[in-house]
Amino acid sequence: MTWEAALNAAFPRPPDHVWQEIRPPGTVEPVRPVAPRGPRIGLALGGGSARGWAHIGVIRALEEAGIHPDVVAGCSIGAVVGGCYAAAKLDALAEFALSLTKRRVVGLLDVRLSGSGLIGGDRLRRRLETDLADRRIEGLPVRFASVATELGTGHEVWLTRGGLVEAVRASYALPGIFPPVPLDGRLLMDGTLVNPVPVTLARAMGADLVICVNLNCDPRVRGGTVVAPEAPDPVEAAVAGAAEVRRRWSLLHTVRGAGRRIAGRRPDGRRDEGMRADHPGTPGIARVMFDAFNITQDRISRARLERDPPDVSIGPTLAGMGLFEFHRAAEAIALGHQAARAALPRIRAALEGASART
């Protein structure tokens, strides 16, 4: 009797269990060759408000070229697009973005008469929950994280688990515009205050190669106002209007002229001679805040990227687009797609180099 027959006689196969082959003593189990792993591709999506619709075009161009990110790190609007991509909801986000008009943009802004932000953000939250409700970061098909800033300490916070909607909201909570988002005992604000293009986060998530999308790398964007005074940005007008509403409801409404230095414009966006600042042509608070935020974000981005440069940087030409012109999604998506297509040779070269190292 062979040893296999003896073994089968002594230990009959159980009817409802998986049978495992038993080899005779002295034999060596062959080791299956490990399939070669390509480099893990990380995508770092930077902040830039309405210009962030360009991220949609970038991701589509990468997907069309067969380049599929393994990890996605997003900041501010980059967290919105990146989170939707990681949740397989990018097409739904693109459809929403393309449906926006100036009127619809303003309709999404719920003005608050008190609190730590001019805009409550509840309408935007409900819109995000339409597609992302109950989704948790750790359960997404693509690894994702967003970056935020802790109020008070200024610490950079990486949100790698928990509810996706809250992680996205915390990353785009622009100070003074949206209230801070409470998470795990912390108050979190817009991540662009500390890391506008989160290359470091993508690397920490395990990326061997990082492609970043910098929405403020166009030289014409840096330090300049991109909204034409003849056609005020709808969100700028809404913020100025919110400031005026607060003025009327505050205890300081009896002090004539105090609120005029705050708004600088009427709620409908038209320049009001009675609401101008001290000197002709001086902008209102909305324009000052947005321009200051744009300049700060550009300076921080350059410093962070110099210290930890990406393998490939994609910079859509977005100088002609205002930070809050969300109704121009079609243009931004097309510019992002164009920029990513132009970067494909550099991306493929970087992938070849990374493959040789891994």
Protein backbone atom coordinates (compact mmCIF):
# COMPACT_ATOMS: atom_id res chain seq x y z
CA MET A 1 0.00 0.00 0.00
CA THR A 2 1.37 3.41 -0.87
CA TRP A 3 1.76 6.04 1.83
CA GLU A 4 -0.97 8.15 0.21
CA ALA A 5 -3.44 5.24 0.40
CA ALA A 6 -2.50 4.54 4.01
CA LEU A 7 -2.95 8.18 4.89
CA ASN A 8 -6.34 8.33 3.21
CA ALA A 9 -7.44 5.18 5.03
CA ALA A 10 -6.30 6.47 8.41
CA PHE A 11 -7.62 9.99 7.92
CA PRO A 12 -10.60 10.02 5.58
CA ARG A 13 -11.46 13.34 4.03
CA PRO A 14 -14.04 15.29 6.06
CA PRO A 15 -17.13 15.91 3.97
CA ASP A 16 -17.60 19.62 4.67
CA HIS A 17 -14.02 20.91 4.94
CA VAL A 18 -11.45 22.06 2.48
CA TRP A 19 -8.92 19.30 1.80
CA GLN A 20 -5.27 20.35 2.01
CA GLU A 21 -2.58 18.29 0.29
CA ILE A 22 -0.14 16.65 2.73
CA ARG A 23 3.36 16.05 1.39
CA PRO A 24 5.62 13.23 2.56
CA PRO A 25 8.40 14.04 5.05
CA GLY A 26 11.53 15.56 3.60
CA THR A 27 9.82 17.33 0.71
CA VAL A 28 9.90 21.09 0.40
CA GLU A 29 6.78 23.10 -0.29
CA PRO A 30 7.40 25.07 -3.47
CA VAL A 31 7.29 28.83 -2.92
CA ARG A 32 5.06 30.68 -5.32
CA PRO A 33 6.82 33.60 -6.94
CA VAL A 34 5.62 36.97 -5.67
CA ALA A 35 4.05 39.03 -8.40
CA PRO A 36 6.07 42.18 -8.99
CA ARG A 37 4.41 45.25 -7.51
CA GLY A 38 4.39 48.47 -9.41
CA PRO A 39 5.03 51.74 -7.65
CA ARG A 40 2.20 53.04 -5.49
CA ILE A 41 0.93 56.22 -7.11
CA GLY A 42 -0.06 59.07 -4.83
CA LEU A 43 -2.15 62.04 -5.90
CA ALA A 44 -1.92 65.27 -3.88
CA LEU A 45 -4.79 67.64 -4.71
CA GLY A 46 -4.20 71.21 -3.60
CA GLY A 47 -6.54 73.91 -2.40
CA GLY A 48 -7.76 76.77 -4.53
CA SER A 49 -11.49 77.13 -4.05
CA ALA A 50 -13.41 77.23 -7.37
CA ARG A 51 -10.25 76.48 -9.32
CA GLY A 52 -10.41 73.05 -7.72
CA TRP A 53 -12.91 71.88 -10.32
CA ALA A 54 -9.76 71.46 -12.43
CA HIS A 55 -8.95 68.41 -10.28
CA ILE A 56 -11.85 66.61 -11.97
CA GLY A 57 -10.26 67.10 -15.39
CA VAL A 58 -6.85 66.01 -14.10
CA ILE A 59 -8.19 62.76 -12.64
CA ARG A 60 -10.14 61.99 -15.80
CA ALA A 61 -7.04 62.48 -17.96
CA LEU A 62 -5.01 60.19 -15.70
CA GLU A 63 -7.68 57.51 -15.77
CA GLU A 64 -7.93 57.73 -19.56
CA ALA A 65 -4.16 57.15 -19.73
CA GLY A 66 -4.42 54.07 -17.51
CA ILE A 67 -2.87 55.79 -14.49
CA HIS A 68 -4.89 54.98 -11.39
CA PRO A 69 -3.84 56.58 -8.08
CA ASP A 70 -3.49 54.20 -5.16
CA VAL A 71 -3.65 56.94 -2.51
CA VAL A 72 -5.21 60.39 -2.63
CA ALA A 73 -4.44 63.27 -0.27
CA GLY A 74 -6.63 66.34 -0.53
CA CYS A 75 -6.71 69.83 0.92
CA SER A 76 -9.75 72.11 0.90
CA ILE A 77 -11.44 71.79 -2.53
CA GLY A 78 -8.87 69.08 -3.22
CA ALA A 79 -10.37 67.13 -0.33
CA VAL A 80 -13.83 67.51 -1.85
CA VAL A 81 -12.75 66.19 -5.25
CA GLY A 82 -10.36 63.62 -3.83
CA GLY A 83 -12.94 62.29 -1.38
CA CYS A 84 -15.53 61.92 -4.11
CA TYR A 85 -13.01 60.14 -6.34
CA ALA A 86 -12.01 57.76 -3.55
CA ALA A 87 -15.70 57.03 -2.94
CA ALA A 88 -16.32 56.39 -6.67
CA LYS A 89 -18.54 59.48 -6.84
CA LEU A 90 -16.47 61.69 -9.14
CA ASP A 91 -19.04 61.65 -11.95
CA ALA A 92 -21.76 62.75 -9.53
CA LEU A 93 -19.58 65.62 -8.34
CA ALA A 94 -18.81 66.65 -11.93
CA GLU A 95 -22.52 66.67 -12.75
CA PHE A 96 -23.21 68.87 -9.75
CA ALA A 97 -20.35 71.25 -10.59
CA LEU A 98 -21.48 71.64 -14.19
CA SER A 99 -25.03 72.45 -13.04
CA LEU A 100 -23.93 75.46 -11.00
CA THR A 101 -24.92 78.96 -12.02
CA LYS A 102 -24.23 82.20 -10.21
CA ARG A 103 -27.69 82.07 -8.69
CA ARG A 104 -27.28 78.47 -7.54
CA VAL A 105 -23.90 79.21 -6.01
CA VAL A 106 -25.35 82.00 -3.91
CA GLY A 107 -28.30 79.76 -3.02
CA LEU A 108 -25.92 77.30 -1.37
CA LEU A 109 -24.66 79.94 1.04
CA ASP A 110 -26.66 80.13 4.27
CA VAL A 111 -25.85 83.47 5.90
CA ARG A 112 -25.56 83.44 9.70
CA LEU A 113 -26.29 86.38 11.97
CA SER A 114 -23.96 85.07 14.68
CA GLY A 115 -21.25 82.52 15.18
CA SER A 116 -17.68 82.14 13.96
CA GLY A 117 -18.37 82.17 10.23
CA LEU A 118 -20.37 84.34 7.84
CA ILE A 119 -21.68 81.22 6.09
CA GLY A 120 -23.17 78.40 8.15
CA GLY A 121 -22.29 75.67 5.66
CA ASP A 122 -25.32 73.50 6.43
CA ARG A 123 -26.57 73.59 2.85
CA LEU A 124 -23.21 72.49 1.51
CA ARG A 125 -23.05 69.74 4.12
CA ARG A 126 -26.46 68.43 3.11
CA ARG A 127 -25.41 68.49 -0.53
CA LEU A 128 -22.30 66.45 0.26
CA GLU A 129 -24.37 63.98 2.24
CA THR A 130 -26.52 63.37 -0.83
CA ASP A 131 -23.71 61.24 -2.29
CA LEU A 132 -21.39 60.63 0.66
CA ALA A 133 -23.67 60.03 3.63
CA ASP A 134 -22.48 57.30 6.01
CA ARG A 135 -19.26 56.80 4.05
CA ARG A 136 -16.19 56.34 6.22
CA ILE A 137 -12.66 57.04 5.09
CA GLU A 138 -11.34 53.65 6.17
CA GLY A 139 -13.98 51.90 4.05
CA LEU A 140 -13.31 53.68 0.76
CA PRO A 141 -12.11 51.67 -2.26
CA VAL A 142 -9.18 54.08 -2.73
CA ARG A 143 -7.04 55.11 0.22
CA PHE A 144 -7.81 58.72 1.11
CA ALA A 145 -6.95 61.38 3.69
CA SER A 146 -7.57 65.09 4.04
CA VAL A 147 -5.56 67.78 5.79
CA ALA A 148 -6.94 70.39 8.19
CA THR A 149 -5.62 72.96 10.66
CA GLU A 150 -6.35 72.89 14.39
CA LEU A 151 -7.67 76.17 15.70
CA GLY A 152 -5.61 77.56 18.57
CA THR A 153 -2.49 75.44 18.12
CA GLY A 154 -2.04 75.70 14.35
CA HIS A 155 -1.23 72.00 14.22
CA GLU A 156 -1.50 70.21 10.90
CA VAL A 157 -4.07 67.43 11.28
CA TRP A 158 -4.30 64.43 8.94
CA LEU A 159 -7.78 62.94 8.81
CA THR A 160 -7.30 59.29 7.88
CA ARG A 161 -10.40 57.74 9.40
CA GLY A 162 -13.94 58.62 10.39
CA GLY A 163 -16.82 60.18 8.50
CA LEU A 164 -15.88 61.36 5.01
CA VAL A 165 -18.22 64.36 4.94
CA GLU A 166 -16.87 65.77 8.20
CA ALA A 167 -13.27 65.24 7.10
CA VAL A 168 -13.97 67.10 3.87
CA ARG A 169 -15.82 69.92 5.62
CA ALA A 170 -12.99 70.42 8.09
CA SER A 171 -10.50 70.68 5.24
CA TYR A 172 -12.41 73.49 3.46
CA ALA A 173 -13.57 75.48 6.52
CA LEU A 174 -12.11 78.81 5.38
CA PRO A 175 -11.58 81.02 8.46
CA GLY A 176 -14.12 83.79 8.79
CA ILE A 177 -16.26 82.34 6.00
CA PHE A 178 -17.19 78.93 7.46
CA PRO A 179 -17.18 78.05 11.16
CA PRO A 180 -14.56 75.59 12.44
CA VAL A 181 -15.62 71.95 12.37
CA PRO A 182 -15.49 70.09 15.73
CA LEU A 183 -13.88 66.65 15.46
CA ASP A 184 -12.58 64.47 18.29
CA GLY A 185 -12.39 67.38 20.70
CA ARG A 186 -10.62 69.67 18.24
CA LEU A 187 -11.82 72.64 16.21
CA LEU A 188 -10.54 72.27 12.67
CA MET A 189 -10.18 74.81 9.86
CA ASP A 190 -9.07 74.93 6.23
CA GLY A 191 -5.94 72.87 5.61
CA THR A 192 -4.46 75.43 3.24
CA LEU A 193 -3.28 77.36 6.29
CA VAL A 194 -0.59 74.73 6.88
CA ASN A 195 -0.27 72.44 3.84
CA PRO A 196 -2.05 73.67 0.69
CA VAL A 197 -0.66 70.89 -1.56
CA PRO A 198 -0.33 67.80 0.70
CA VAL A 199 2.59 65.98 -0.90
CA THR A 200 3.94 65.01 2.54
CA LEU A 201 0.63 63.38 3.43
CA ALA A 202 0.56 61.35 0.20
CA ARG A 203 4.08 60.06 0.92
CA ALA A 204 3.16 59.21 4.51
CA MET A 205 0.24 57.16 3.16
CA GLY A 206 2.70 54.91 1.33
CA ALA A 207 3.03 56.49 -2.10
CA ASP A 208 6.25 55.66 -3.96
CA LEU A 209 5.57 58.36 -6.52
CA VAL A 210 3.55 61.52 -5.91
CA ILE A 211 1.78 63.57 -8.54
CA CYS A 212 0.60 66.92 -7.21
CA VAL A 213 -1.90 69.35 -8.65
CA ASN A 214 -1.04 72.91 -7.67
CA LEU A 215 -3.86 75.32 -8.49
CA ASN A 216 -1.79 78.41 -7.72
CA CYS A 217 1.39 77.74 -9.67
CA ASP A 218 0.39 79.95 -12.61
CA PRO A 219 2.61 83.07 -12.20
CA ARG A 220 -0.31 85.30 -13.09
CA VAL A 221 -2.26 84.00 -10.10
CA ARG A 222 0.25 84.96 -7.43
CA GLY A 223 -0.58 88.01 -5.43
CA GLY A 224 -3.08 89.40 -7.89
CA THR A 225 -6.79 90.00 -7.90
CA VAL A 226 -8.47 87.98 -10.60
CA VAL A 227 -12.05 89.20 -10.26
CA ALA A 228 -12.94 92.05 -12.59
CA PRO A 229 -14.55 94.97 -10.71
CA GLU A 230 -17.12 95.41 -13.48
CA ALA A 231 -18.50 91.91 -12.83
CA PRO A 232 -18.30 91.16 -9.10
CA ASP A 233 -17.91 87.54 -8.12
CA PRO A 234 -21.24 86.20 -6.79
CA VAL A 235 -19.70 84.68 -3.67
CA GLU A 236 -17.75 87.86 -2.94
CA ALA A 237 -21.00 89.77 -3.20
CA ALA A 238 -22.74 87.29 -0.91
CA VAL A 239 -20.00 87.54 1.70
CA ALA A 240 -20.12 91.31 1.55
CA GLY A 241 -23.88 91.07 1.93
CA ALA A 242 -23.50 88.77 4.92
CA ALA A 243 -21.16 91.25 6.56
CA GLU A 244 -23.74 93.96 5.99
CA VAL A 245 -26.53 91.84 7.49
CA ARG A 246 -24.43 91.25 10.58
CA ARG A 247 -23.75 94.95 10.83
CA ARG A 248 -27.44 95.70 10.89
CA TRP A 249 -28.06 93.17 13.64
CA SER A 250 -25.10 94.01 15.83
CA LEU A 251 -25.04 96.42 18.71
CA LEU A 252 -22.82 98.63 16.62
CA HIS A 253 -25.52 99.34 14.06
CA THR A 254 -26.16 102.68 15.72
CA VAL A 255 -22.64 103.82 14.90
CA ARG A 256 -22.99 105.18 11.41
CA GLY A 257 -20.21 104.28 9.04
CA ALA A 258 -18.79 101.38 11.06
CA GLY A 259 -20.45 98.77 8.89
CA ARG A 260 -19.60 100.71 5.75
CA ARG A 261 -15.92 100.04 6.34
CA ILE A 262 -16.76 96.32 6.75
CA ALA A 263 -18.68 95.63 3.54
CA GLY A 264 -17.63 98.10 0.86
CA ARG A 265 -20.42 96.76 -1.38
CA ARG A 266 -24.16 96.33 -1.36
CA PRO A 267 -25.53 92.81 -0.88
CA ASP A 268 -26.21 92.56 -4.65
CA GLY A 269 -22.52 93.11 -5.38
CA ARG A 270 -22.80 96.66 -6.78
CA ARG A 271 -20.44 99.31 -5.45
CA ASP A 272 -22.23 101.61 -2.99
CA GLU A 273 -20.75 105.08 -2.73
CA GLY A 274 -22.02 105.29 0.83
CA MET A 275 -20.36 102.01 1.79
CA ARG A 276 -16.88 102.67 0.46
CA ALA A 277 -13.81 102.63 2.63
CA ASP A 278 -11.73 105.67 3.52
CA HIS A 279 -10.19 106.11 0.05
CA PRO A 280 -11.77 105.78 -3.41
CA GLY A 281 -11.13 102.37 -4.92
CA THR A 282 -10.39 100.68 -1.59
CA PRO A 283 -11.96 97.20 -1.65
CA GLY A 284 -14.39 95.84 0.90
CA ILE A 285 -13.68 93.11 3.40
CA ALA A 286 -14.60 90.27 1.03
CA ARG A 287 -12.06 91.30 -1.60
CA VAL A 288 -9.38 91.90 1.03
CA MET A 289 -9.96 88.51 2.69
CA PHE A 290 -9.93 86.57 -0.57
CA ASP A 291 -6.83 88.25 -1.94
CA ALA A 292 -4.97 87.88 1.36
CA PHE A 293 -5.92 84.20 1.51
CA ASN A 294 -4.73 83.68 -2.07
CA ILE A 295 -1.36 85.30 -1.38
CA THR A 296 -0.86 83.37 1.85
CA GLN A 297 -1.73 80.08 0.23
CA ASP A 298 0.72 80.69 -2.61
CA ARG A 299 3.59 81.50 -0.25
CA ILE A 300 2.94 78.47 1.97
CA SER A 301 2.63 76.19 -1.06
CA ARG A 302 5.97 77.29 -2.45
CA ALA A 303 7.72 76.81 0.89
CA ARG A 304 6.24 73.33 1.48
CA LEU A 305 6.87 72.10 -2.05
CA GLU A 306 10.45 73.31 -1.97
CA ARG A 307 11.05 71.24 1.15
CA ASP A 308 9.22 68.14 -0.11
CA PRO A 309 8.88 68.35 -3.90
CA PRO A 310 6.56 65.99 -5.77
CA ASP A 311 7.81 63.64 -8.47
CA VAL A 312 5.55 65.36 -10.99
CA SER A 313 3.70 68.66 -10.61
CA ILE A 314 0.65 69.56 -12.69
CA GLY A 315 -0.25 73.24 -12.85
CA PRO A 316 -3.40 74.14 -14.79
CA THR A 317 -3.49 77.65 -16.24
CA LEU A 318 -6.15 79.17 -14.00
CA ALA A 319 -5.08 82.80 -13.61
CA GLY A 320 -8.22 84.04 -15.32
CA MET A 321 -10.51 82.29 -12.86
CA GLY A 322 -11.61 83.88 -9.61
CA LEU A 323 -11.29 81.90 -6.41
CA PHE A 324 -15.06 81.83 -5.97
CA GLU A 325 -16.29 81.52 -9.55
CA PHE A 326 -17.75 78.08 -8.98
CA HIS A 327 -20.10 78.53 -11.93
CA ARG A 328 -17.15 78.18 -14.35
CA ALA A 329 -16.73 74.45 -13.75
CA ALA A 330 -16.70 73.44 -17.43
CA GLU A 331 -13.76 75.73 -18.11
CA ALA A 332 -11.82 74.58 -15.05
CA ILE A 333 -12.37 70.89 -15.81
CA ALA A 334 -11.16 71.39 -19.38
CA LEU A 335 -8.05 73.26 -18.22
CA GLY A 336 -7.26 70.53 -15.71
CA HIS A 337 -7.65 67.84 -18.37
CA GLN A 338 -5.40 69.77 -20.73
CA ALA A 339 -2.69 70.25 -18.10
CA ALA A 340 -2.72 66.57 -17.12
CA ARG A 341 -2.48 65.46 -20.74
CA ALA A 342 0.53 67.70 -21.22
CA ALA A 343 2.17 66.17 -18.14
CA LEU A 344 1.73 62.54 -19.23
CA PRO A 345 5.25 62.14 -20.70
CA ARG A 346 6.76 63.34 -17.41
CA ILE A 347 4.46 61.07 -15.43
CA ARG A 348 5.36 58.00 -17.49
CA ALA A 349 9.07 58.77 -17.16
CA ALA A 350 8.69 59.11 -13.39
CA LEU A 351 6.77 55.83 -13.26
CA GLU A 352 9.56 54.05 -15.09
CA GLY A 353 12.10 55.40 -12.64
CA ALA A 354 9.96 54.44 -9.66
CA SER A 355 9.42 50.94 -11.07
CA ALA A 356 13.16 50.44 -11.28
CA ARG A 357 13.51 51.34 -7.60
CA THR A 358 10.66 49.13 -6.34
